[in-house]
PDB file of N, CA and C in Angstrom:
ATOM      1  N   MET A   1    -115.808  59.274-207.633  1.00  0.00           N
ATOM      2  CA  MET A   1    -114.764  58.277-207.886  1.00  0.00           C
ATOM      3  C   MET A   1    -115.379  56.890-207.755  1.00  0.00           C
ATOM      4  N   ALA A   2    -115.010  56.030-208.684  1.00  0.00           N
ATOM      5  CA  ALA A   2    -115.438  54.628-208.664  1.00  0.00           C
ATOM      6  C   ALA A   2    -114.252  53.766-208.245  1.00  0.00           C
ATOM      7  N   VAL A   3    -114.511  52.773-207.401  1.00  0.00           N
ATOM      8  CA  VAL A   3    -113.453  51.890-206.902  1.00  0.00           C
ATOM      9  C   VAL A   3    -113.939  50.452-206.992  1.00  0.00           C
ATOM     10  N   LYS A   4    -113.034  49.557-207.391  1.00  0.00           N
ATOM     11  CA  LYS A   4    -113.366  48.136-207.461  1.00  0.00           C
ATOM     12  C   LYS A   4    -112.157  47.311-207.065  1.00  0.00           C
ATOM     13  N   GLU A   5    -112.387  46.339-206.203  1.00  0.00           N
ATOM     14  CA  GLU A   5    -111.352  45.370-205.870  1.00  0.00           C
ATOM     15  C   GLU A   5    -111.530  44.178-206.795  1.00  0.00           C
ATOM     16  N   THR A   6    -110.417  43.667-207.305  1.00  0.00           N
ATOM     17  CA  THR A   6    -110.474  42.524-208.211  1.00  0.00           C
ATOM     18  C   THR A   6    -109.169  41.741-208.107  1.00  0.00           C
ATOM     19  N   THR A   7    -109.109  40.655-208.842  1.00  0.00           N
ATOM     20  CA  THR A   7    -107.919  39.811-208.877  1.00  0.00           C
ATOM     21  C   THR A   7    -107.461  39.684-210.318  1.00  0.00           C
ATOM     22  N   ILE A   8    -106.164  39.721-210.540  1.00  0.00           N
ATOM     23  CA  ILE A   8    -105.633  39.536-211.890  1.00  0.00           C
ATOM     24  C   ILE A   8    -105.880  38.082-212.285  1.00  0.00           C
ATOM     25  N   GLY A   9    -106.705  37.881-213.301  1.00  0.00           N
ATOM     26  CA  GLY A   9    -107.100  36.541-213.712  1.00  0.00           C
ATOM     27  C   GLY A   9    -106.177  35.896-214.724  1.00  0.00           C
ATOM     28  N   ASN A  10    -105.448  36.707-215.484  1.00  0.00           N
ATOM     29  CA  ASN A  10    -104.546  36.179-216.501  1.00  0.00           C
ATOM     30  C   ASN A  10    -103.322  35.581-215.798  1.00  0.00           C
ATOM     31  N   THR A  11    -103.062  34.306-216.045  1.00  0.00           N
ATOM     32  CA  THR A  11    -101.937  33.645-215.384  1.00  0.00           C
ATOM     33  C   THR A  11    -100.590  34.275-215.753  1.00  0.00           C
ATOM     34  N   SER A  12    -100.539  34.977-216.875  1.00  0.00           N
ATOM     35  CA  SER A  12     -99.306  35.678-217.266  1.00  0.00           C
ATOM     36  C   SER A  12     -99.183  37.031-216.578  1.00  0.00           C
ATOM     37  N   GLY A  13    -100.221  37.458-215.875  1.00  0.00           N
ATOM     38  CA  GLY A  13    -100.186  38.718-215.154  1.00  0.00           C
ATOM     39  C   GLY A  13    -100.269  39.924-216.068  1.00  0.00           C
ATOM     40  N   LEU A  14     -99.790  41.042-215.569  1.00  0.00           N
ATOM     41  CA  LEU A  14     -99.781  42.278-216.351  1.00  0.00           C
ATOM     42  C   LEU A  14     -98.552  42.272-217.244  1.00  0.00           C
ATOM     43  N   HIS A  15     -98.752  41.945-218.496  1.00  0.00           N
ATOM     44  CA  HIS A  15     -97.643  41.952-219.436  1.00  0.00           C
ATOM     45  C   HIS A  15     -97.983  42.877-220.596  1.00  0.00           C
ATOM     46  N   ALA A  16     -97.078  43.026-221.532  1.00  0.00           N
ATOM     47  CA  ALA A  16     -97.143  44.074-222.551  1.00  0.00           C
ATOM     48  C   ALA A  16     -98.451  44.148-223.331  1.00  0.00           C
ATOM     49  N   ARG A  17     -98.977  43.037-223.788  1.00  0.00           N
ATOM     50  CA  ARG A  17    -100.156  43.109-224.650  1.00  0.00           C
ATOM     51  C   ARG A  17    -101.401  43.626-223.926  1.00  0.00           C
ATOM     52  N   PRO A  18    -101.814  43.025-222.800  1.00  0.00           N
ATOM     53  CA  PRO A  18    -103.006  43.571-222.142  1.00  0.00           C
ATOM     54  C   PRO A  18    -102.783  44.979-221.594  1.00  0.00           C
ATOM     55  N   VAL A  19    -101.570  45.276-221.163  1.00  0.00           N
ATOM     56  CA  VAL A  19    -101.271  46.617-220.666  1.00  0.00           C
ATOM     57  C   VAL A  19    -101.427  47.631-221.798  1.00  0.00           C
ATOM     58  N   ALA A  20    -100.908  47.328-222.971  1.00  0.00           N
ATOM     59  CA  ALA A  20    -101.038  48.230-224.118  1.00  0.00           C
ATOM     60  C   ALA A  20    -102.500  48.421-224.491  1.00  0.00           C
ATOM     61  N   MET A  21    -103.295  47.367-224.410  1.00  0.00           N
ATOM     62  CA  MET A  21    -104.724  47.462-224.721  1.00  0.00           C
ATOM     63  C   MET A  21    -105.437  48.367-223.716  1.00  0.00           C
ATOM     64  N   ILE A  22    -105.082  48.258-222.452  1.00  0.00           N
ATOM     65  CA  ILE A  22    -105.675  49.123-221.430  1.00  0.00           C
ATOM     66  C   ILE A  22    -105.328  50.584-221.718  1.00  0.00           C
ATOM     67  N   VAL A  23    -104.051  50.854-221.930  1.00  0.00           N
ATOM     68  CA  VAL A  23    -103.595  52.225-222.165  1.00  0.00           C
ATOM     69  C   VAL A  23    -104.273  52.817-223.392  1.00  0.00           C
ATOM     70  N   GLU A  24    -104.327  52.075-224.486  1.00  0.00           N
ATOM     71  CA  GLU A  24    -104.944  52.580-225.715  1.00  0.00           C
ATOM     72  C   GLU A  24    -106.428  52.858-225.527  1.00  0.00           C
ATOM     73  N   HIS A  25    -107.142  51.963-224.867  1.00  0.00           N
ATOM     74  CA  HIS A  25    -108.584  52.168-224.667  1.00  0.00           C
ATOM     75  C   HIS A  25    -108.850  53.362-223.752  1.00  0.00           C
ATOM     76  N   LEU A  26    -108.039  53.531-222.729  1.00  0.00           N
ATOM     77  CA  LEU A  26    -108.255  54.652-221.810  1.00  0.00           C
ATOM     78  C   LEU A  26    -108.058  56.004-222.487  1.00  0.00           C
ATOM     79  N   LYS A  27    -107.313  56.034-223.597  1.00  0.00           N
ATOM     80  CA  LYS A  27    -107.150  57.280-224.354  1.00  0.00           C
ATOM     81  C   LYS A  27    -108.475  57.754-224.934  1.00  0.00           C
ATOM     82  N   THR A  28    -109.426  56.845-225.119  1.00  0.00           N
ATOM     83  CA  THR A  28    -110.716  57.188-225.704  1.00  0.00           C
ATOM     84  C   THR A  28    -111.731  57.631-224.646  1.00  0.00           C
ATOM     85  N   LEU A  29    -111.371  57.530-223.378  1.00  0.00           N
ATOM     86  CA  LEU A  29    -112.290  57.857-222.291  1.00  0.00           C
ATOM     87  C   LEU A  29    -111.797  59.056-221.493  1.00  0.00           C
ATOM     88  N   ASP A  30    -112.731  59.753-220.874  1.00  0.00           N
ATOM     89  CA  ASP A  30    -112.403  60.897-220.027  1.00  0.00           C
ATOM     90  C   ASP A  30    -112.426  60.434-218.571  1.00  0.00           C
ATOM     91  N   ALA A  31    -111.326  59.803-218.165  1.00  0.00           N
ATOM     92  CA  ALA A  31    -111.213  59.308-216.796  1.00  0.00           C
ATOM     93  C   ALA A  31    -109.745  59.126-216.441  1.00  0.00           C
ATOM     94  N   LYS A  32    -109.437  59.368-215.185  1.00  0.00           N
ATOM     95  CA  LYS A  32    -108.103  59.088-214.658  1.00  0.00           C
ATOM     96  C   LYS A  32    -108.220  57.770-213.897  1.00  0.00           C
ATOM     97  N   VAL A  33    -107.360  56.814-214.233  1.00  0.00           N
ATOM     98  CA  VAL A  33    -107.438  55.487-213.615  1.00  0.00           C
ATOM     99  C   VAL A  33    -106.094  55.134-212.988  1.00  0.00           C
ATOM    100  N   GLU A  34    -106.170  54.647-211.764  1.00  0.00           N
ATOM    101  CA  GLU A  34    -104.981  54.169-211.064  1.00  0.00           C
ATOM    102  C   GLU A  34    -105.270  52.771-210.539  1.00  0.00           C
ATOM    103  N   ILE A  35    -104.233  51.938-210.542  1.00  0.00           N
ATOM    104  CA  ILE A  35    -104.358  50.577-210.031  1.00  0.00           C
ATOM    105  C   ILE A  35    -103.400  50.428-208.861  1.00  0.00           C
ATOM    106  N   TYR A  36    -103.919  49.931-207.760  1.00  0.00           N
ATOM    107  CA  TYR A  36    -103.132  49.741-206.543  1.00  0.00           C
ATOM    108  C   TYR A  36    -102.918  48.256-206.292  1.00  0.00           C
ATOM    109  N   LYS A  37    -101.697  47.900-205.983  1.00  0.00           N
ATOM    110  CA  LYS A  37    -101.353  46.531-205.566  1.00  0.00           C
ATOM    111  C   LYS A  37    -100.546  46.680-204.287  1.00  0.00           C
ATOM    112  N   GLY A  38    -101.204  46.446-203.170  1.00  0.00           N
ATOM    113  CA  GLY A  38    -100.540  46.689-201.896  1.00  0.00           C
ATOM    114  C   GLY A  38    -100.190  48.157-201.774  1.00  0.00           C
ATOM    115  N   GLU A  39     -98.944  48.444-201.495  1.00  0.00           N
ATOM    116  CA  GLU A  39     -98.473  49.824-201.340  1.00  0.00           C
ATOM    117  C   GLU A  39     -98.100  50.472-202.671  1.00  0.00           C
ATOM    118  N   LYS A  40     -98.061  49.693-203.750  1.00  0.00           N
ATOM    119  CA  LYS A  40     -97.677  50.217-205.065  1.00  0.00           C
ATOM    120  C   LYS A  40     -98.894  50.797-205.778  1.00  0.00           C
ATOM    121  N   LYS A  41     -98.656  51.871-206.556  1.00  0.00           N
ATOM    122  CA  LYS A  41     -99.704  52.509-207.339  1.00  0.00           C
ATOM    123  C   LYS A  41     -99.214  52.689-208.766  1.00  0.00           C
ATOM    124  N   ALA A  42    -100.096  52.411-209.743  1.00  0.00           N
ATOM    125  CA  ALA A  42     -99.740  52.596-211.148  1.00  0.00           C
ATOM    126  C   ALA A  42    -100.765  53.485-211.831  1.00  0.00           C
ATOM    127  N   ASN A  43    -100.270  54.389-212.657  1.00  0.00           N
ATOM    128  CA  ASN A  43    -101.125  55.194-213.516  1.00  0.00           C
ATOM    129  C   ASN A  43    -101.499  54.311-214.707  1.00  0.00           C
ATOM    130  N   ALA A  44    -102.787  54.023-214.878  1.00  0.00           N
ATOM    131  CA  ALA A  44    -103.222  53.105-215.931  1.00  0.00           C
ATOM    132  C   ALA A  44    -103.090  53.697-217.333  1.00  0.00           C
ATOM    133  N   ALA A  45    -102.711  54.962-217.443  1.00  0.00           N
ATOM    134  CA  ALA A  45    -102.478  55.575-218.749  1.00  0.00           C
ATOM    135  C   ALA A  45    -101.022  55.432-219.182  1.00  0.00           C
ATOM    136  N   SER A  46    -100.220  54.753-218.380  1.00  0.00           N
ATOM    137  CA  SER A  46     -98.789  54.614-218.662  1.00  0.00           C
ATOM    138  C   SER A  46     -98.387  53.143-218.726  1.00  0.00           C
ATOM    139  N   ILE A  47     -97.895  52.722-219.870  1.00  0.00           N
ATOM    140  CA  ILE A  47     -97.447  51.340-220.027  1.00  0.00           C
ATOM    141  C   ILE A  47     -96.351  51.024-219.014  1.00  0.00           C
ATOM    142  N   MET A  48     -95.386  51.901-218.887  1.00  0.00           N
ATOM    143  CA  MET A  48     -94.266  51.644-217.964  1.00  0.00           C
ATOM    144  C   MET A  48     -94.726  51.560-216.513  1.00  0.00           C
ATOM    145  N   SER A  49     -95.653  52.427-216.141  1.00  0.00           N
ATOM    146  CA  SER A  49     -96.169  52.420-214.776  1.00  0.00           C
ATOM    147  C   SER A  49     -96.895  51.110-214.481  1.00  0.00           C
ATOM    148  N   LEU A  50     -97.717  50.655-215.430  1.00  0.00           N
ATOM    149  CA  LEU A  50     -98.446  49.394-215.230  1.00  0.00           C
ATOM    150  C   LEU A  50     -97.503  48.197-215.170  1.00  0.00           C
ATOM    151  N   LEU A  51     -96.514  48.159-216.050  1.00  0.00           N
ATOM    152  CA  LEU A  51     -95.566  47.048-216.034  1.00  0.00           C
ATOM    153  C   LEU A  51     -94.746  47.048-214.741  1.00  0.00           C
ATOM    154  N   ALA A  52     -94.416  48.234-214.237  1.00  0.00           N
ATOM    155  CA  ALA A  52     -93.637  48.338-213.007  1.00  0.00           C
ATOM    156  C   ALA A  52     -94.421  47.866-211.785  1.00  0.00           C
ATOM    157  N   LEU A  53     -95.737  47.820-211.896  1.00  0.00           N
ATOM    158  CA  LEU A  53     -96.571  47.344-210.794  1.00  0.00           C
ATOM    159  C   LEU A  53     -96.249  45.885-210.469  1.00  0.00           C
ATOM    160  N   GLY A  54     -95.820  45.142-211.491  1.00  0.00           N
ATOM    161  CA  GLY A  54     -95.401  43.758-211.267  1.00  0.00           C
ATOM    162  C   GLY A  54     -96.530  42.815-210.925  1.00  0.00           C
ATOM    163  N   GLY A  55     -97.720  43.071-211.442  1.00  0.00           N
ATOM    164  CA  GLY A  55     -98.867  42.222-211.137  1.00  0.00           C
ATOM    165  C   GLY A  55     -98.774  40.867-211.813  1.00  0.00           C
ATOM    166  N   VAL A  56     -98.996  39.804-211.039  1.00  0.00           N
ATOM    167  CA  VAL A  56     -99.013  38.441-211.577  1.00  0.00           C
ATOM    168  C   VAL A  56    -100.386  37.837-211.342  1.00  0.00           C
ATOM    169  N   GLY A  57    -100.665  36.763-212.057  1.00  0.00           N
ATOM    170  CA  GLY A  57    -101.950  36.089-211.918  1.00  0.00           C
ATOM    171  C   GLY A  57    -102.239  35.746-210.466  1.00  0.00           C
ATOM    172  N   GLY A  58    -103.439  36.086-210.025  1.00  0.00           N
ATOM    173  CA  GLY A  58    -103.848  35.812-208.660  1.00  0.00           C
ATOM    174  C   GLY A  58    -103.649  36.966-207.704  1.00  0.00           C
ATOM    175  N   ASP A  59    -102.918  38.005-208.115  1.00  0.00           N
ATOM    176  CA  ASP A  59    -102.704  39.169-207.258  1.00  0.00           C
ATOM    177  C   ASP A  59    -104.002  39.956-207.082  1.00  0.00           C
ATOM    178  N   ALA A  60    -104.273  40.382-205.872  1.00  0.00           N
ATOM    179  CA  ALA A  60    -105.402  41.262-205.594  1.00  0.00           C
ATOM    180  C   ALA A  60    -104.988  42.690-205.894  1.00  0.00           C
ATOM    181  N   VAL A  61    -105.855  43.424-206.581  1.00  0.00           N
ATOM    182  CA  VAL A  61    -105.597  44.823-206.905  1.00  0.00           C
ATOM    183  C   VAL A  61    -106.866  45.625-206.662  1.00  0.00           C
ATOM    184  N   GLU A  62    -106.692  46.930-206.596  1.00  0.00           N
ATOM    185  CA  GLU A  62    -107.822  47.836-206.448  1.00  0.00           C
ATOM    186  C   GLU A  62    -107.725  48.858-207.566  1.00  0.00           C
ATOM    187  N   ILE A  63    -108.816  49.042-208.295  1.00  0.00           N
ATOM    188  CA  ILE A  63    -108.863  49.986-209.405  1.00  0.00           C
ATOM    189  C   ILE A  63    -109.619  51.227-208.940  1.00  0.00           C
ATOM    190  N   HIS A  64    -109.039  52.404-209.165  1.00  0.00           N
ATOM    191  CA  HIS A  64    -109.689  53.675-208.849  1.00  0.00           C
ATOM    192  C   HIS A  64    -109.861  54.437-210.159  1.00  0.00           C
ATOM    193  N   ALA A  65    -111.061  54.901-210.436  1.00  0.00           N
ATOM    194  CA  ALA A  65    -111.322  55.678-211.643  1.00  0.00           C
ATOM    195  C   ALA A  65    -112.092  56.939-211.270  1.00  0.00           C
ATOM    196  N   ASP A  66    -111.698  58.051-211.861  1.00  0.00           N
ATOM    197  CA  ASP A  66    -112.340  59.323-211.567  1.00  0.00           C
ATOM    198  C   ASP A  66    -112.542  60.084-212.870  1.00  0.00           C
ATOM    199  N   GLY A  67    -113.696  60.717-213.021  1.00  0.00           N
ATOM    200  CA  GLY A  67    -113.996  61.499-214.209  1.00  0.00           C
ATOM    201  C   GLY A  67    -115.327  61.091-214.793  1.00  0.00           C
ATOM    202  N   PRO A  68    -115.767  61.796-215.848  1.00  0.00           N
ATOM    203  CA  PRO A  68    -117.067  61.517-216.454  1.00  0.00           C
ATOM    204  C   PRO A  68    -117.234  60.079-216.958  1.00  0.00           C
ATOM    205  N   ASP A  69    -116.161  59.462-217.416  1.00  0.00           N
ATOM    206  CA  ASP A  69    -116.226  58.092-217.929  1.00  0.00           C
ATOM    207  C   ASP A  69    -115.672  57.073-216.931  1.00  0.00           C
ATOM    208  N   ALA A  70    -115.700  57.406-215.649  1.00  0.00           N
ATOM    209  CA  ALA A  70    -115.096  56.545-214.623  1.00  0.00           C
ATOM    210  C   ALA A  70    -115.680  55.131-214.622  1.00  0.00           C
ATOM    211  N   GLU A  71    -116.984  55.007-214.701  1.00  0.00           N
ATOM    212  CA  GLU A  71    -117.601  53.673-214.645  1.00  0.00           C
ATOM    213  C   GLU A  71    -117.207  52.831-215.851  1.00  0.00           C
ATOM    214  N   ALA A  72    -117.188  53.431-217.042  1.00  0.00           N
ATOM    215  CA  ALA A  72    -116.789  52.706-218.250  1.00  0.00           C
ATOM    216  C   ALA A  72    -115.322  52.304-218.177  1.00  0.00           C
ATOM    217  N   ALA A  73    -114.488  53.195-217.686  1.00  0.00           N
ATOM    218  CA  ALA A  73    -113.058  52.896-217.554  1.00  0.00           C
ATOM    219  C   ALA A  73    -112.843  51.772-216.552  1.00  0.00           C
ATOM    220  N   LEU A  74    -113.532  51.848-215.432  1.00  0.00           N
ATOM    221  CA  LEU A  74    -113.425  50.818-214.393  1.00  0.00           C
ATOM    222  C   LEU A  74    -113.848  49.458-214.942  1.00  0.00           C
ATOM    223  N   ALA A  75    -114.955  49.424-215.654  1.00  0.00           N
ATOM    224  CA  ALA A  75    -115.450  48.163-216.215  1.00  0.00           C
ATOM    225  C   ALA A  75    -114.464  47.577-217.216  1.00  0.00           C
ATOM    226  N   PHE A  76    -113.871  48.415-218.073  1.00  0.00           N
ATOM    227  CA  PHE A  76    -112.929  47.912-219.073  1.00  0.00           C
ATOM    228  C   PHE A  76    -111.661  47.375-218.422  1.00  0.00           C
ATOM    229  N   VAL A  77    -111.098  48.127-217.496  1.00  0.00           N
ATOM    230  CA  VAL A  77    -109.865  47.691-216.839  1.00  0.00           C
ATOM    231  C   VAL A  77    -110.120  46.403-216.061  1.00  0.00           C
ATOM    232  N   ASP A  78    -111.250  46.323-215.377  1.00  0.00           N
ATOM    233  CA  ASP A  78    -111.603  45.110-214.651  1.00  0.00           C
ATOM    234  C   ASP A  78    -111.705  43.922-215.609  1.00  0.00           C
ATOM    235  N   LYS A  79    -112.351  44.127-216.738  1.00  0.00           N
ATOM    236  CA  LYS A  79    -112.485  43.065-217.748  1.00  0.00           C
ATOM    237  C   LYS A  79    -111.110  42.588-218.229  1.00  0.00           C
ATOM    238  N   MET A  80    -110.221  43.535-218.497  1.00  0.00           N
ATOM    239  CA  MET A  80    -108.892  43.177-218.988  1.00  0.00           C
ATOM    240  C   MET A  80    -108.066  42.452-217.922  1.00  0.00           C
ATOM    241  N   LEU A  81    -108.179  42.879-216.683  1.00  0.00           N
ATOM    242  CA  LEU A  81    -107.419  42.237-215.607  1.00  0.00           C
ATOM    243  C   LEU A  81    -107.936  40.832-215.325  1.00  0.00           C
ATOM    244  N   ASN A  82    -109.210  40.601-215.585  1.00  0.00           N
ATOM    245  CA  ASN A  82    -109.808  39.307-215.308  1.00  0.00           C
ATOM    246  C   ASN A  82    -109.807  38.366-216.489  1.00  0.00           C
ATOM    247  N   ALA A  83    -109.362  38.850-217.649  1.00  0.00           N
ATOM    248  CA  ALA A  83    -109.327  38.013-218.840  1.00  0.00           C
ATOM    249  C   ALA A  83    -108.293  36.913-218.664  1.00  0.00           C
ATOM    250  N   HIS A  84    -108.695  35.692-218.948  1.00  0.00           N
ATOM    251  CA  HIS A  84    -107.768  34.577-218.831  1.00  0.00           C
ATOM    252  C   HIS A  84    -106.896  34.431-220.080  1.00  0.00           C
ATOM    253  N   GLU A  85    -107.314  35.045-221.148  1.00  0.00           N
ATOM    254  CA  GLU A  85    -106.533  35.072-222.379  1.00  0.00           C
ATOM    255  C   GLU A  85    -106.151  36.520-222.631  1.00  0.00           C
ATOM    256  N   THR A  86    -105.065  36.754-223.361  1.00  0.00           N
ATOM    257  CA  THR A  86    -104.553  38.105-223.565  1.00  0.00           C
ATOM    258  C   THR A  86    -105.430  38.947-224.478  1.00  0.00           C
ATOM    259  N   GLY A  87    -106.353  38.400-225.206  1.00  0.00           N
ATOM    260  CA  GLY A  87    -107.195  39.188-226.084  1.00  0.00           C
ATOM    261  C   GLY A  87    -108.495  39.623-225.465  1.00  0.00           C
ATOM    262  N   ALA A  88    -108.789  39.203-224.252  1.00  0.00           N
ATOM    263  CA  ALA A  88    -110.023  39.480-223.504  1.00  0.00           C
ATOM    264  C   ALA A  88    -111.218  39.000-224.247  1.00  0.00           C
TER     265      ALA A  88
END
């Protein structure tokens, strides 16, 4: 399992466009990814789960990835969470 602590860099936080991009990209990888914000946990393969996390710019989160493509999944999700623009 790969784990990374990071901060949501997009001032708009986790909103529909970057969340959809994360979900779509993870479909191409063999990894299970979860994002933790405090006591809340979101399945990164679910748009609704990610939006329900309620992440806003500046929030600290922890990304957990498990599976053969865990490192690639972790790197992509980290990149998307740290993107200051919605297109990364």
